[in-house]
Protein backbone atom coordinates (compact mmCIF):
# COMPACT_ATOMS: atom_id res chain seq x y z
CA MET A 1 218.50 43.71 -81.23
CA GLY A 2 216.58 45.72 -83.58
CA LYS A 3 217.81 49.14 -84.44
CA GLN A 4 216.31 52.24 -82.23
CA ILE A 5 213.76 54.47 -84.15
CA PRO A 6 214.69 58.18 -84.75
CA GLY A 7 213.03 60.43 -82.50
CA ARG A 8 210.39 62.91 -83.85
CA PHE A 9 210.13 66.86 -83.36
CA ILE A 10 207.26 68.65 -83.91
CA VAL A 11 206.59 72.37 -83.11
CA TRP A 12 203.65 74.81 -83.01
CA GLU A 13 204.66 78.36 -84.34
CA GLY A 14 202.59 81.17 -85.00
CA GLY A 15 201.64 84.66 -83.66
CA GLU A 16 200.02 85.95 -80.51
CA GLY A 17 196.22 84.64 -80.54
CA ALA A 18 197.20 81.85 -83.08
CA GLY A 19 195.52 79.08 -80.55
CA LYS A 20 199.10 77.13 -80.75
CA THR A 21 198.91 75.78 -76.56
CA THR A 22 194.86 74.89 -77.33
CA GLN A 23 195.88 72.97 -80.50
CA ILE A 24 198.87 71.15 -78.79
CA GLY A 25 196.63 69.81 -75.81
CA LEU A 26 193.88 68.54 -78.44
CA THR A 27 196.53 66.98 -80.92
CA GLN A 28 198.37 65.40 -77.42
CA ALA A 29 194.64 64.14 -76.22
CA TRP A 30 193.66 62.71 -80.08
CA LEU A 31 197.17 61.22 -80.03
CA GLN A 32 196.06 59.23 -77.21
CA GLU A 33 192.90 58.40 -77.97
CA SER A 34 193.48 57.35 -81.78
CA GLY A 35 195.90 54.95 -80.44
CA TRP A 36 198.77 56.45 -81.92
CA LEU A 37 200.77 56.93 -78.49
CA GLU A 38 199.96 53.44 -77.29
CA ALA A 39 201.51 52.14 -80.70
CA LEU A 40 204.27 54.25 -80.52
CA GLN A 41 205.11 53.28 -76.89
CA THR A 42 205.57 49.79 -78.02
CA LEU A 43 208.43 50.78 -80.61
CA VAL A 44 210.27 52.57 -77.81
CA PRO A 45 209.12 50.61 -74.44
CA GLN A 46 212.35 52.21 -72.37
CA LEU A 47 211.20 55.43 -72.61
CA LYS A 48 208.03 56.05 -70.32
CA PRO A 49 206.35 58.49 -71.21
CA VAL A 50 207.26 58.25 -74.97
CA MET A 51 205.63 61.55 -75.63
CA LEU A 52 207.06 65.00 -73.99
CA VAL A 53 205.04 67.97 -74.16
CA THR A 54 206.68 71.13 -73.50
CA ARG A 55 207.17 74.99 -74.38
CA GLU A 56 209.45 77.70 -75.20
CA PRO A 57 210.05 79.93 -73.09
CA GLY A 58 209.64 78.19 -69.70
CA GLY A 59 210.08 74.42 -70.42
CA THR A 60 212.71 74.14 -67.64
CA ALA A 61 213.15 75.23 -64.14
CA LEU A 62 215.84 77.59 -65.17
CA GLY A 63 213.54 78.81 -68.08
CA GLN A 64 210.52 79.49 -65.83
CA HIS A 65 212.58 82.04 -64.39
CA LEU A 66 213.35 83.53 -68.07
CA ARG A 67 209.74 83.25 -69.20
CA GLN A 68 208.80 85.70 -66.20
CA LEU A 69 211.52 88.29 -67.01
CA LEU A 70 210.68 87.98 -71.11
CA LEU A 71 207.27 88.06 -70.86
CA HIS A 72 206.14 90.42 -67.74
CA SER A 73 209.46 92.38 -66.71
CA PRO A 74 208.52 95.56 -64.86
CA THR A 75 211.39 97.35 -66.72
CA ASP A 76 212.54 97.42 -70.52
CA ILE A 77 214.40 94.53 -71.97
CA ALA A 78 216.54 96.19 -75.13
CA PRO A 79 216.05 94.11 -78.08
CA ALA A 80 219.85 92.31 -77.74
CA CYS A 81 218.71 91.19 -74.28
CA GLU A 82 215.87 89.63 -75.19
CA LEU A 83 217.37 87.75 -78.00
CA LEU A 84 220.37 86.57 -75.43
CA LEU A 85 217.57 85.44 -73.01
CA TYR A 86 215.65 83.52 -75.54
CA ALA A 87 219.01 81.77 -76.61
CA ALA A 88 219.89 80.93 -73.27
CA ASP A 89 216.59 79.41 -72.76
CA ARG A 90 216.53 77.20 -75.71
CA ALA A 91 220.08 76.20 -74.85
CA GLN A 92 219.01 74.95 -71.38
CA HIS A 93 215.71 73.24 -72.65
CA LEU A 94 217.50 71.04 -75.61
CA ALA A 95 220.13 70.32 -73.22
CA GLU A 96 217.91 69.36 -70.17
CA LYS A 97 214.79 68.10 -71.98
CA ILE A 98 214.55 67.61 -75.49
CA LEU A 99 217.56 65.80 -77.20
CA PRO A 100 218.05 63.28 -74.09
CA HIS A 101 213.92 62.41 -75.28
CA LEU A 102 214.93 62.75 -78.83
CA ASP A 103 217.93 60.76 -78.86
CA ALA A 104 215.99 58.02 -76.74
CA GLY A 105 213.61 57.49 -79.89
CA GLY A 106 210.65 59.87 -78.33
CA LEU A 107 208.13 62.13 -79.58
CA VAL A 108 208.27 65.86 -78.55
CA LEU A 109 205.71 68.03 -79.30
CA CYS A 110 206.92 71.61 -78.54
CA ASP A 111 205.13 75.23 -78.35
CA ARG A 112 207.43 77.62 -80.04
CA PHE A 113 211.27 77.03 -81.31
CA THR A 114 213.49 78.95 -83.43
CA ASP A 115 211.49 80.18 -85.95
CA SER A 116 209.51 82.29 -83.47
CA THR A 117 213.22 83.78 -82.32
CA VAL A 118 213.60 84.47 -86.37
CA ALA A 119 210.09 86.37 -86.79
CA TYR A 120 209.99 87.93 -83.19
CA GLN A 121 213.38 89.37 -83.01
CA GLY A 122 214.34 89.35 -86.38
CA TYR A 123 211.43 90.84 -88.45
CA GLY A 124 209.59 92.14 -85.56
CA ARG A 125 212.57 94.00 -83.71
CA GLY A 126 214.57 94.40 -86.93
CA LEU A 127 218.05 92.60 -85.16
CA ASP A 128 220.58 91.40 -87.47
CA LEU A 129 219.03 87.67 -89.08
CA GLY A 130 222.64 86.43 -89.40
CA ILE A 131 223.38 86.81 -85.76
CA ILE A 132 220.20 85.29 -84.63
CA HIS A 133 220.57 82.65 -86.98
CA GLN A 134 224.15 82.19 -85.40
CA LEU A 135 222.80 82.14 -81.78
CA ASN A 136 219.99 79.34 -82.76
CA GLN A 137 222.73 77.20 -84.36
CA ILE A 138 224.70 77.55 -80.77
CA ALA A 139 221.94 77.19 -78.41
CA THR A 140 220.34 73.80 -80.69
CA ALA A 141 223.47 72.27 -81.45
CA GLY A 142 221.91 72.68 -85.43
CA ARG A 143 218.84 70.28 -84.04
CA GLN A 144 215.76 71.51 -86.41
CA PRO A 145 212.34 70.20 -85.91
CA ASP A 146 211.19 67.42 -88.17
CA LEU A 147 207.78 69.27 -88.75
CA THR A 148 206.58 72.78 -87.81
CA LEU A 149 202.82 73.86 -87.86
CA TRP A 150 202.43 77.40 -88.30
CA LEU A 151 199.37 78.30 -86.95
CA ASP A 152 198.80 81.93 -89.28
CA VAL A 153 196.30 84.11 -87.84
CA THR A 154 195.68 87.57 -88.84
CA PRO A 155 197.37 89.96 -86.23
CA MET A 156 194.10 91.79 -85.45
CA GLN A 157 192.17 88.75 -85.05
CA GLY A 158 194.59 87.20 -83.02
CA LEU A 159 195.76 90.02 -80.77
CA GLY A 160 191.63 90.15 -80.18
CA ARG A 161 191.63 86.63 -79.24
CA ALA A 162 194.60 86.74 -76.62
CA GLU A 163 192.99 89.73 -75.07
CA LYS A 164 189.68 88.07 -74.72
CA ARG A 165 191.55 84.82 -73.51
CA SER A 166 193.47 86.51 -70.54
CA GLY A 167 191.83 89.81 -69.99
CA SER A 168 195.36 91.40 -69.59
CA GLN A 169 198.25 91.60 -72.36
CA ASP A 170 202.25 90.16 -71.73
CA ARG A 171 205.12 92.23 -73.16
CA MET A 172 204.62 90.66 -76.43
CA GLU A 173 201.03 91.13 -77.11
CA GLN A 174 201.39 94.89 -75.64
CA ALA A 175 203.79 95.43 -78.77
CA THR A 176 202.39 97.75 -81.94
CA LEU A 177 200.07 95.92 -84.05
CA ALA A 178 202.78 97.09 -86.99
CA PHE A 179 205.28 94.77 -85.18
CA HIS A 180 202.86 92.07 -84.98
CA GLN A 181 202.25 92.50 -88.98
CA ARG A 182 206.12 92.13 -89.42
CA VAL A 183 206.27 88.96 -87.34
CA GLN A 184 203.54 87.33 -89.39
CA GLN A 185 205.28 88.65 -92.46
CA GLY A 186 208.66 86.67 -90.54
CA PHE A 187 206.72 83.44 -90.46
CA ALA A 188 205.48 84.03 -94.19
CA GLN A 189 209.00 84.02 -95.39
CA LEU A 190 210.31 81.09 -93.22
CA SER A 191 207.32 78.96 -94.40
CA GLY A 192 208.42 80.00 -98.33
CA GLN A 193 212.28 79.26 -97.23
CA ALA A 194 211.48 75.77 -95.86
CA PRO A 195 208.17 74.21 -97.50
CA ALA A 196 208.77 70.56 -96.72
CA ARG A 197 209.54 71.24 -93.00
CA ILE A 198 206.74 74.21 -92.05
CA LYS A 199 203.37 73.51 -92.79
CA ARG A 200 200.47 76.63 -93.16
CA ILE A 201 197.44 75.50 -90.79
CA ASP A 202 194.91 78.63 -91.32
CA ALA A 203 194.12 79.57 -87.96
CA ASN A 204 191.52 82.08 -88.89
CA CYS A 205 188.80 79.81 -89.14
CA SER A 206 186.89 77.83 -86.13
CA GLN A 207 188.87 75.98 -83.37
CA ALA A 208 187.32 72.80 -84.57
CA GLU A 209 188.69 73.34 -88.36
CA VAL A 210 192.11 74.26 -87.24
CA THR A 211 191.91 70.94 -85.46
CA ILE A 212 190.69 69.21 -88.36
CA GLN A 213 193.66 70.63 -90.59
CA ILE A 214 196.28 69.76 -88.07
CA GLN A 215 195.14 66.16 -87.83
CA SER A 216 195.29 65.91 -91.53
CA CYS A 217 198.97 66.79 -91.69
CA LEU A 218 199.70 64.78 -88.87
CA ARG A 219 198.19 61.55 -89.97
CA GLU A 220 200.31 62.03 -93.26
CA VAL A 221 203.63 62.62 -91.73
CA LEU A 222 203.05 60.00 -88.59
CA ARG A 223 202.67 57.14 -91.52
CA GLN A 224 205.89 58.48 -93.32
CA TRP A 225 207.54 58.19 -90.08
CA TYR A 226 206.36 54.98 -88.58
CA PRO A 227 205.56 52.55 -91.30
CA GLN A 228 205.73 49.86 -88.51
CA ILE A 229 202.35 51.00 -87.18
CA SER A 230 199.35 50.26 -88.63
CA ALA A 231 197.80 53.60 -89.02
CA PRO A 232 195.00 53.78 -86.20
């Protein structure tokens, strides 16, 4: 019996209106249409489906309730409470969905993870970064993404897109422009600290151009991760 291949964890990060959800969907379709997913399935035949697409908050049934509270609460949420709710969502998400899939050798695509908490609650809300890192460590048992795609968009452009998309704003989108500027600065700091893991994608350009950047990055890492697959 051959050695099981390791699971791989890819996360999309970015500010409001960066296009993460759209680009994850396009990546999912590309992996299927290009043959990567079929080839990967042959390496992990016991795991069906081999790819898990999920999000934070809200990747589990419990997380759906937490997502509703976090994004649409009719009452104010204290910053520390907000931080703990995100940590609770993440702990359940890892235990119930992400870690079992990775342990079985699967591929996980996730919309937001720990970097969002650092950027939003740390840089945006001004909470203690040391405490945030401790909570992230507890919630994830130290599991980090293998690759993070940071879709970097200017706050003005991103918020404009978000408003056009939904017609209404959730709690995060309603925050001040200065808050979103601090969030962007937080992602930039994180990217500088972990350049091997976090790859900046210029999300100020068209959707098609963003997709090209993402696919170029993914082709490179997929070939590194899965040398036994003939690159589609």
